[in-house]
Amino acid sequence: MPQRAPSSATRTRVSVLALVLVLTGTARATGPGPAEAREAALAFGHALTSADATLLRTVLPSDGKVQLRLELLGPEQGYFSTRQVEAVLADFLSVGNVRAYELLRVECEETIALIHARAALTDRAGRTARVKLHLSLRPEAGRWVVREIREVAS
């Protein structure tokens, strides 16, 4: 039995479906964008100002290490697991506090987001200080996760 050529309506449906699949695949390949990086940076700050290190779990990686370079919030230098990062910051928050967190700038590319923020805190000795925080985020499972936290005196 001879086969008929597909109708123009069928060809149009197939073309539209192919376009949707291509666009959907492209959107997934690029990962999270600047809005999601900003949300992750704000969630990080919220965890600090709420004095609840468990809130960091939403922005910390499920696998691998996070590099810390902290003076007042630590002091710690090196690579730490997610649970260790949470413990370091929980330890600080048990005696010090972060009174304010301000997001200064978000720089975002496809595979990295750099966050510049400022925090007003009271350190372990009861002294007030202002520090700049630089966060490096990387995509993981469709979200941005913190891979580096660097404290810079301001």
N, C-alpha and C. Protein backbone atom coordinates (compact mmCIF):
# COMPACT_ATOMS: atom_id res chain seq x y z
N MET A 1 0.84 -1.16 0.00
CA MET A 1 0.00 0.00 0.00
C MET A 1 0.89 1.23 0.00
N PRO A 2 0.68 2.17 -0.91
CA PRO A 2 1.53 3.36 -0.98
C PRO A 2 1.24 4.29 0.20
N GLN A 3 2.31 4.95 0.68
CA GLN A 3 2.17 5.90 1.80
C GLN A 3 1.93 7.29 1.26
N ARG A 4 1.06 8.02 1.97
CA ARG A 4 0.78 9.39 1.58
C ARG A 4 1.76 10.32 2.27
N ALA A 5 2.02 11.41 1.65
CA ALA A 5 2.87 12.44 2.25
C ALA A 5 2.10 13.10 3.38
N PRO A 6 2.78 13.49 4.47
CA PRO A 6 2.09 14.15 5.57
C PRO A 6 1.45 15.45 5.11
N SER A 7 0.30 15.76 5.69
CA SER A 7 -0.40 16.99 5.33
C SER A 7 0.38 18.19 5.87
N SER A 8 0.04 19.37 5.37
CA SER A 8 0.74 20.58 5.84
C SER A 8 0.43 20.84 7.30
N ALA A 9 -0.76 20.47 7.78
CA ALA A 9 -1.10 20.65 9.20
C ALA A 9 -0.23 19.75 10.06
N THR A 10 0.00 18.51 9.62
CA THR A 10 0.86 17.59 10.36
C THR A 10 2.29 18.10 10.39
N ARG A 11 2.79 18.59 9.24
CA ARG A 11 4.16 19.12 9.18
C ARG A 11 4.30 20.33 10.12
N THR A 12 3.27 21.18 10.17
CA THR A 12 3.31 22.35 11.05
C THR A 12 3.36 21.92 12.52
N ARG A 13 2.53 20.93 12.90
CA ARG A 13 2.53 20.45 14.28
C ARG A 13 3.89 19.86 14.65
N VAL A 14 4.48 19.10 13.77
CA VAL A 14 5.79 18.51 14.02
C VAL A 14 6.85 19.60 14.16
N SER A 15 6.78 20.61 13.30
CA SER A 15 7.75 21.72 13.36
C SER A 15 7.62 22.49 14.67
N VAL A 16 6.38 22.75 15.09
CA VAL A 16 6.15 23.48 16.34
C VAL A 16 6.66 22.64 17.52
N LEU A 17 6.37 21.34 17.52
CA LEU A 17 6.84 20.46 18.58
C LEU A 17 8.36 20.43 18.63
N ALA A 18 9.00 20.34 17.49
CA ALA A 18 10.47 20.34 17.45
C ALA A 18 11.03 21.64 17.99
N LEU A 19 10.42 22.77 17.66
CA LEU A 19 10.86 24.07 18.15
C LEU A 19 10.73 24.14 19.67
N VAL A 20 9.61 23.65 20.21
CA VAL A 20 9.40 23.65 21.66
C VAL A 20 10.46 22.79 22.34
N LEU A 21 10.74 21.61 21.77
CA LEU A 21 11.76 20.74 22.37
C LEU A 21 13.14 21.39 22.35
N VAL A 22 13.47 22.05 21.27
CA VAL A 22 14.77 22.73 21.17
C VAL A 22 14.86 23.84 22.20
N LEU A 23 13.83 24.67 22.27
CA LEU A 23 13.83 25.79 23.22
C LEU A 23 13.85 25.30 24.66
N THR A 24 13.10 24.27 24.97
CA THR A 24 13.09 23.73 26.32
C THR A 24 14.45 23.15 26.67
N GLY A 25 15.04 22.43 25.76
CA GLY A 25 16.38 21.87 26.00
C GLY A 25 17.41 22.96 26.19
N THR A 26 17.33 24.04 25.40
CA THR A 26 18.27 25.15 25.53
C THR A 26 18.11 25.84 26.87
N ALA A 27 16.87 26.02 27.31
CA ALA A 27 16.63 26.68 28.59
C ALA A 27 17.22 25.86 29.73
N ARG A 28 17.09 24.56 29.68
CA ARG A 28 17.65 23.71 30.72
C ARG A 28 19.17 23.71 30.68
N ALA A 29 19.75 23.74 29.51
CA ALA A 29 21.21 23.67 29.39
C ALA A 29 21.87 24.91 29.96
N THR A 30 21.22 26.06 29.87
CA THR A 30 21.85 27.27 30.37
C THR A 30 21.77 27.39 31.88
N GLY A 31 20.85 26.67 32.53
CA GLY A 31 20.77 26.66 33.97
C GLY A 31 20.15 27.92 34.54
N PRO A 32 20.33 28.11 35.84
CA PRO A 32 19.72 29.26 36.51
C PRO A 32 20.36 30.57 36.04
N GLY A 33 19.61 31.65 36.13
CA GLY A 33 20.08 32.94 35.65
C GLY A 33 20.34 33.94 36.76
N PRO A 34 20.46 35.21 36.39
CA PRO A 34 20.76 36.27 37.36
C PRO A 34 19.71 36.43 38.45
N ALA A 35 18.45 36.25 38.13
CA ALA A 35 17.40 36.39 39.14
C ALA A 35 17.55 35.33 40.23
N GLU A 36 17.87 34.11 39.80
CA GLU A 36 18.07 33.03 40.76
C GLU A 36 19.35 33.23 41.58
N ALA A 37 20.38 33.81 40.97
CA ALA A 37 21.62 34.12 41.70
C ALA A 37 21.34 35.16 42.78
N ARG A 38 20.55 36.16 42.42
CA ARG A 38 20.17 37.20 43.39
C ARG A 38 19.37 36.59 44.54
N GLU A 39 18.43 35.71 44.22
CA GLU A 39 17.63 35.04 45.25
C GLU A 39 18.52 34.22 46.19
N ALA A 40 19.48 33.51 45.63
CA ALA A 40 20.39 32.71 46.46
C ALA A 40 21.22 33.61 47.38
N ALA A 41 21.70 34.73 46.86
CA ALA A 41 22.49 35.67 47.66
C ALA A 41 21.64 36.26 48.79
N LEU A 42 20.39 36.57 48.50
CA LEU A 42 19.49 37.10 49.53
C LEU A 42 19.15 36.04 50.57
N ALA A 43 19.00 34.80 50.14
CA ALA A 43 18.74 33.70 51.08
C ALA A 43 19.94 33.51 52.01
N PHE A 44 21.14 33.63 51.46
CA PHE A 44 22.37 33.54 52.28
C PHE A 44 22.34 34.64 53.35
N GLY A 45 22.06 35.87 52.94
CA GLY A 45 22.00 36.99 53.88
C GLY A 45 20.91 36.82 54.91
N HIS A 46 19.76 36.30 54.48
CA HIS A 46 18.65 36.07 55.41
C HIS A 46 19.04 35.07 56.49
N ALA A 47 19.76 34.02 56.11
CA ALA A 47 20.22 33.03 57.09
C ALA A 47 21.11 33.70 58.14
N LEU A 48 21.99 34.60 57.69
CA LEU A 48 22.88 35.28 58.63
C LEU A 48 22.12 36.23 59.54
N THR A 49 21.27 37.07 58.97
CA THR A 49 20.56 38.06 59.78
C THR A 49 19.50 37.42 60.67
N SER A 50 19.03 36.24 60.31
CA SER A 50 18.07 35.50 61.15
C SER A 50 18.77 34.69 62.22
N ALA A 51 20.09 34.65 62.16
CA ALA A 51 20.89 33.85 63.11
C ALA A 51 20.49 32.38 63.07
N ASP A 52 20.18 31.88 61.88
CA ASP A 52 19.76 30.49 61.71
C ASP A 52 20.58 29.85 60.59
N ALA A 53 21.67 29.23 60.96
CA ALA A 53 22.58 28.63 59.98
C ALA A 53 21.92 27.48 59.22
N THR A 54 20.87 26.88 59.76
CA THR A 54 20.19 25.79 59.03
C THR A 54 19.55 26.30 57.75
N LEU A 55 19.24 27.60 57.69
CA LEU A 55 18.65 28.17 56.47
C LEU A 55 19.65 28.18 55.31
N LEU A 56 20.94 28.02 55.61
CA LEU A 56 21.96 27.98 54.56
C LEU A 56 21.85 26.74 53.69
N ARG A 57 21.19 25.72 54.16
CA ARG A 57 21.08 24.46 53.42
C ARG A 57 20.50 24.65 52.03
N THR A 58 19.66 25.65 51.87
CA THR A 58 19.03 25.87 50.56
C THR A 58 20.01 26.40 49.52
N VAL A 59 21.13 26.97 49.97
CA VAL A 59 22.09 27.55 49.03
C VAL A 59 23.46 26.88 49.09
N LEU A 60 23.60 25.84 49.89
CA LEU A 60 24.87 25.12 49.94
C LEU A 60 24.79 23.88 49.05
N PRO A 61 25.93 23.46 48.51
CA PRO A 61 25.92 22.32 47.58
C PRO A 61 25.57 21.01 48.27
N SER A 62 24.98 20.09 47.52
CA SER A 62 24.68 18.77 48.07
C SER A 62 25.91 17.88 48.04
N ASP A 63 26.91 18.28 47.25
CA ASP A 63 28.12 17.47 47.12
C ASP A 63 29.31 18.41 46.94
N GLY A 64 30.47 17.98 47.38
CA GLY A 64 31.68 18.78 47.20
C GLY A 64 31.94 19.73 48.35
N LYS A 65 32.90 20.59 48.17
CA LYS A 65 33.38 21.48 49.23
C LYS A 65 33.08 22.94 48.90
N VAL A 66 33.12 23.74 49.96
CA VAL A 66 32.97 25.19 49.87
C VAL A 66 34.26 25.80 50.42
N GLN A 67 34.83 26.74 49.68
CA GLN A 67 36.04 27.41 50.15
C GLN A 67 35.65 28.58 51.05
N LEU A 68 36.25 28.63 52.23
CA LEU A 68 36.01 29.71 53.17
C LEU A 68 37.29 30.50 53.38
N ARG A 69 37.15 31.82 53.39
CA ARG A 69 38.23 32.73 53.76
C ARG A 69 37.59 33.76 54.69
N LEU A 70 37.47 33.39 55.95
CA LEU A 70 36.74 34.21 56.91
C LEU A 70 37.65 34.66 58.04
N GLU A 71 37.51 35.90 58.43
CA GLU A 71 38.23 36.44 59.58
C GLU A 71 37.28 36.59 60.76
N LEU A 72 36.32 37.50 60.65
CA LEU A 72 35.40 37.77 61.75
C LEU A 72 34.30 36.71 61.86
N LEU A 73 33.80 36.24 60.75
CA LEU A 73 32.75 35.22 60.77
C LEU A 73 33.28 33.84 61.08
N GLY A 74 34.57 33.64 61.06
CA GLY A 74 35.19 32.35 61.32
C GLY A 74 35.86 32.34 62.68
N PRO A 75 37.12 32.50 62.73
CA PRO A 75 38.03 32.58 61.59
C PRO A 75 38.31 31.18 61.02
N GLU A 76 38.19 31.07 59.73
CA GLU A 76 38.45 29.81 59.04
C GLU A 76 39.01 30.09 57.65
N GLN A 77 39.92 29.23 57.22
CA GLN A 77 40.50 29.27 55.87
C GLN A 77 40.57 27.84 55.37
N GLY A 78 40.09 27.61 54.16
CA GLY A 78 40.22 26.28 53.58
C GLY A 78 38.93 25.80 52.94
N TYR A 79 38.88 24.49 52.70
CA TYR A 79 37.73 23.88 52.02
C TYR A 79 36.95 23.05 53.04
N PHE A 80 35.63 23.23 53.03
CA PHE A 80 34.77 22.62 54.04
C PHE A 80 33.54 21.99 53.39
N SER A 81 33.04 20.93 54.02
CA SER A 81 31.80 20.32 53.55
C SER A 81 30.64 21.23 53.91
N THR A 82 29.49 20.94 53.34
CA THR A 82 28.29 21.73 53.62
C THR A 82 27.99 21.78 55.11
N ARG A 83 28.03 20.65 55.77
CA ARG A 83 27.74 20.59 57.21
C ARG A 83 28.78 21.36 58.01
N GLN A 84 30.04 21.32 57.58
CA GLN A 84 31.07 22.08 58.28
C GLN A 84 30.85 23.59 58.13
N VAL A 85 30.46 24.03 56.92
CA VAL A 85 30.17 25.46 56.70
C VAL A 85 29.03 25.88 57.62
N GLU A 86 28.00 25.08 57.65
CA GLU A 86 26.86 25.37 58.52
C GLU A 86 27.32 25.45 59.98
N ALA A 87 28.18 24.54 60.40
CA ALA A 87 28.66 24.53 61.79
C ALA A 87 29.53 25.76 62.10
N VAL A 88 30.40 26.14 61.16
CA VAL A 88 31.26 27.32 61.36
C VAL A 88 30.40 28.57 61.56
N LEU A 89 29.41 28.75 60.69
CA LEU A 89 28.57 29.95 60.78
C LEU A 89 27.61 29.87 61.97
N ALA A 90 27.14 28.68 62.33
CA ALA A 90 26.30 28.53 63.52
C ALA A 90 27.10 28.87 64.77
N ASP A 91 28.36 28.48 64.79
CA ASP A 91 29.23 28.79 65.93
C ASP A 91 29.37 30.30 66.08
N PHE A 92 29.62 31.00 64.96
CA PHE A 92 29.71 32.46 65.02
C PHE A 92 28.39 33.06 65.52
N LEU A 93 27.28 32.61 64.94
CA LEU A 93 25.97 33.19 65.26
C LEU A 93 25.53 32.90 66.69
N SER A 94 26.16 31.93 67.34
CA SER A 94 25.81 31.64 68.74
C SER A 94 26.38 32.69 69.69
N VAL A 95 27.42 33.43 69.25
CA VAL A 95 28.02 34.46 70.12
C VAL A 95 28.03 35.85 69.47
N GLY A 96 28.09 35.91 68.16
CA GLY A 96 28.07 37.18 67.44
C GLY A 96 26.76 37.29 66.70
N ASN A 97 26.59 38.39 65.97
CA ASN A 97 25.39 38.48 65.14
C ASN A 97 25.64 39.35 63.93
N VAL A 98 24.81 39.13 62.93
CA VAL A 98 24.84 39.93 61.72
C VAL A 98 23.59 40.80 61.77
N ARG A 99 23.80 42.10 61.99
CA ARG A 99 22.68 43.04 62.14
C ARG A 99 22.07 43.42 60.81
N ALA A 100 22.88 43.48 59.76
CA ALA A 100 22.37 43.89 58.45
C ALA A 100 23.18 43.22 57.36
N TYR A 101 22.51 42.98 56.24
CA TYR A 101 23.14 42.38 55.08
C TYR A 101 22.60 43.13 53.87
N GLU A 102 23.51 43.65 53.06
CA GLU A 102 23.13 44.43 51.89
C GLU A 102 23.77 43.86 50.64
N LEU A 103 22.96 43.56 49.67
CA LEU A 103 23.45 43.05 48.39
C LEU A 103 23.90 44.24 47.55
N LEU A 104 25.17 44.25 47.17
CA LEU A 104 25.73 45.37 46.42
C LEU A 104 25.70 45.14 44.91
N ARG A 105 26.09 43.95 44.48
CA ARG A 105 26.18 43.68 43.03
C ARG A 105 26.13 42.19 42.76
N VAL A 106 25.49 41.85 41.65
CA VAL A 106 25.43 40.46 41.18
C VAL A 106 26.00 40.43 39.78
N GLU A 107 27.04 39.64 39.58
CA GLU A 107 27.62 39.44 38.24
C GLU A 107 27.36 37.98 37.88
N CYS A 108 26.70 37.77 36.77
CA CYS A 108 26.27 36.41 36.45
C CYS A 108 26.63 36.04 35.02
N GLU A 109 27.23 34.88 34.88
CA GLU A 109 27.47 34.26 33.58
C GLU A 109 26.82 32.89 33.61
N GLU A 110 27.02 32.13 32.58
CA GLU A 110 26.35 30.84 32.49
C GLU A 110 26.79 29.85 33.57
N THR A 111 28.08 29.85 33.92
CA THR A 111 28.59 28.84 34.85
C THR A 111 29.07 29.38 36.18
N ILE A 112 28.96 30.69 36.40
CA ILE A 112 29.39 31.27 37.67
C ILE A 112 28.62 32.56 37.93
N ALA A 113 28.34 32.78 39.20
CA ALA A 113 27.75 34.05 39.63
C ALA A 113 28.62 34.58 40.76
N LEU A 114 28.98 35.84 40.67
CA LEU A 114 29.77 36.49 41.72
C LEU A 114 28.88 37.50 42.43
N ILE A 115 28.87 37.40 43.73
CA ILE A 115 28.01 38.24 44.56
C ILE A 115 28.89 39.13 45.42
N HIS A 116 28.57 40.40 45.44
CA HIS A 116 29.25 41.36 46.29
C HIS A 116 28.21 41.88 47.28
N ALA A 117 28.50 41.72 48.58
CA ALA A 117 27.56 42.14 49.61
C ALA A 117 28.33 42.81 50.74
N ARG A 118 27.58 43.46 51.62
CA ARG A 118 28.18 44.09 52.80
C ARG A 118 27.35 43.67 54.00
N ALA A 119 28.04 43.39 55.11
CA ALA A 119 27.35 43.00 56.33
C ALA A 119 27.83 43.87 57.49
N ALA A 120 26.88 44.22 58.35
CA ALA A 120 27.20 44.91 59.60
C ALA A 120 27.03 43.87 60.69
N LEU A 121 28.06 43.68 61.48
CA LEU A 121 28.01 42.61 62.47
C LEU A 121 28.60 43.02 63.79
N THR A 122 28.30 42.21 64.78
CA THR A 122 28.95 42.30 66.08
C THR A 122 29.75 41.02 66.22
N ASP A 123 31.06 41.16 66.42
CA ASP A 123 31.92 39.96 66.44
C ASP A 123 31.86 39.26 67.79
N ARG A 124 32.66 38.23 67.94
CA ARG A 124 32.68 37.41 69.16
C ARG A 124 33.07 38.20 70.40
N ALA A 125 33.86 39.27 70.20
CA ALA A 125 34.31 40.09 71.33
C ALA A 125 33.35 41.25 71.61
N GLY A 126 32.24 41.33 70.88
CA GLY A 126 31.26 42.39 71.10
C GLY A 126 31.55 43.68 70.34
N ARG A 127 32.55 43.66 69.46
CA ARG A 127 32.88 44.85 68.66
C ARG A 127 32.03 44.86 67.40
N THR A 128 31.62 46.06 66.98
CA THR A 128 30.88 46.18 65.74
C THR A 128 31.86 46.33 64.58
N ALA A 129 31.47 45.82 63.47
CA ALA A 129 32.33 45.87 62.27
C ALA A 129 31.46 45.82 61.03
N ARG A 130 32.02 46.32 59.94
CA ARG A 130 31.40 46.20 58.62
C ARG A 130 32.38 45.41 57.76
N VAL A 131 31.87 44.42 57.08
CA VAL A 131 32.72 43.61 56.21
C VAL A 131 32.05 43.47 54.85
N LYS A 132 32.88 43.34 53.85
CA LYS A 132 32.38 43.00 52.52
C LYS A 132 32.45 41.48 52.39
N LEU A 133 31.45 40.91 51.78
CA LEU A 133 31.42 39.48 51.52
C LEU A 133 31.38 39.26 50.02
N HIS A 134 32.23 38.39 49.55
CA HIS A 134 32.22 38.00 48.14
C HIS A 134 31.85 36.52 48.11
N LEU A 135 30.78 36.23 47.39
CA LEU A 135 30.34 34.85 47.24
C LEU A 135 30.53 34.42 45.80
N SER A 136 30.97 33.22 45.63
CA SER A 136 31.06 32.62 44.30
C SER A 136 30.04 31.49 44.26
N LEU A 137 29.13 31.57 43.28
CA LEU A 137 28.09 30.56 43.15
C LEU A 137 28.28 29.79 41.85
N ARG A 138 27.93 28.53 41.89
CA ARG A 138 27.97 27.67 40.71
C ARG A 138 26.63 26.97 40.57
N PRO A 139 26.22 26.66 39.34
CA PRO A 139 24.95 25.95 39.17
C PRO A 139 25.06 24.49 39.61
N GLU A 140 23.99 24.03 40.25
CA GLU A 140 23.89 22.63 40.65
C GLU A 140 22.41 22.25 40.63
N ALA A 141 22.05 21.30 39.82
CA ALA A 141 20.68 20.79 39.75
C ALA A 141 19.65 21.90 39.57
N GLY A 142 19.94 22.84 38.67
CA GLY A 142 18.99 23.90 38.36
C GLY A 142 18.92 25.04 39.36
N ARG A 143 19.88 25.11 40.27
CA ARG A 143 19.91 26.20 41.23
C ARG A 143 21.35 26.66 41.43
N TRP A 144 21.51 27.83 42.00
CA TRP A 144 22.84 28.33 42.32
C TRP A 144 23.21 27.89 43.73
N VAL A 145 24.44 27.41 43.90
CA VAL A 145 24.93 27.04 45.23
C VAL A 145 26.24 27.79 45.52
N VAL A 146 26.46 28.08 46.77
CA VAL A 146 27.66 28.80 47.19
C VAL A 146 28.85 27.86 47.17
N ARG A 147 29.90 28.24 46.47
CA ARG A 147 31.14 27.45 46.41
C ARG A 147 32.31 28.17 47.07
N GLU A 148 32.14 29.47 47.34
CA GLU A 148 33.18 30.22 48.04
C GLU A 148 32.55 31.37 48.81
N ILE A 149 33.03 31.56 50.04
CA ILE A 149 32.63 32.70 50.86
C ILE A 149 33.92 33.37 51.30
N ARG A 150 34.08 34.61 50.85
CA ARG A 150 35.31 35.35 51.18
C ARG A 150 34.93 36.64 51.88
N GLU A 151 35.53 36.85 53.03
CA GLU A 151 35.30 38.07 53.80
C GLU A 151 36.43 39.06 53.52
N VAL A 152 36.05 40.29 53.22
CA VAL A 152 37.02 41.33 52.92
C VAL A 152 36.72 42.51 53.85
N ALA A 153 37.68 42.94 54.64
CA ALA A 153 37.45 44.07 55.54
C ALA A 153 37.09 45.31 54.73
N SER A 154 36.16 46.09 55.25
CA SER A 154 35.77 47.31 54.51
C SER A 154 36.03 48.55 55.33
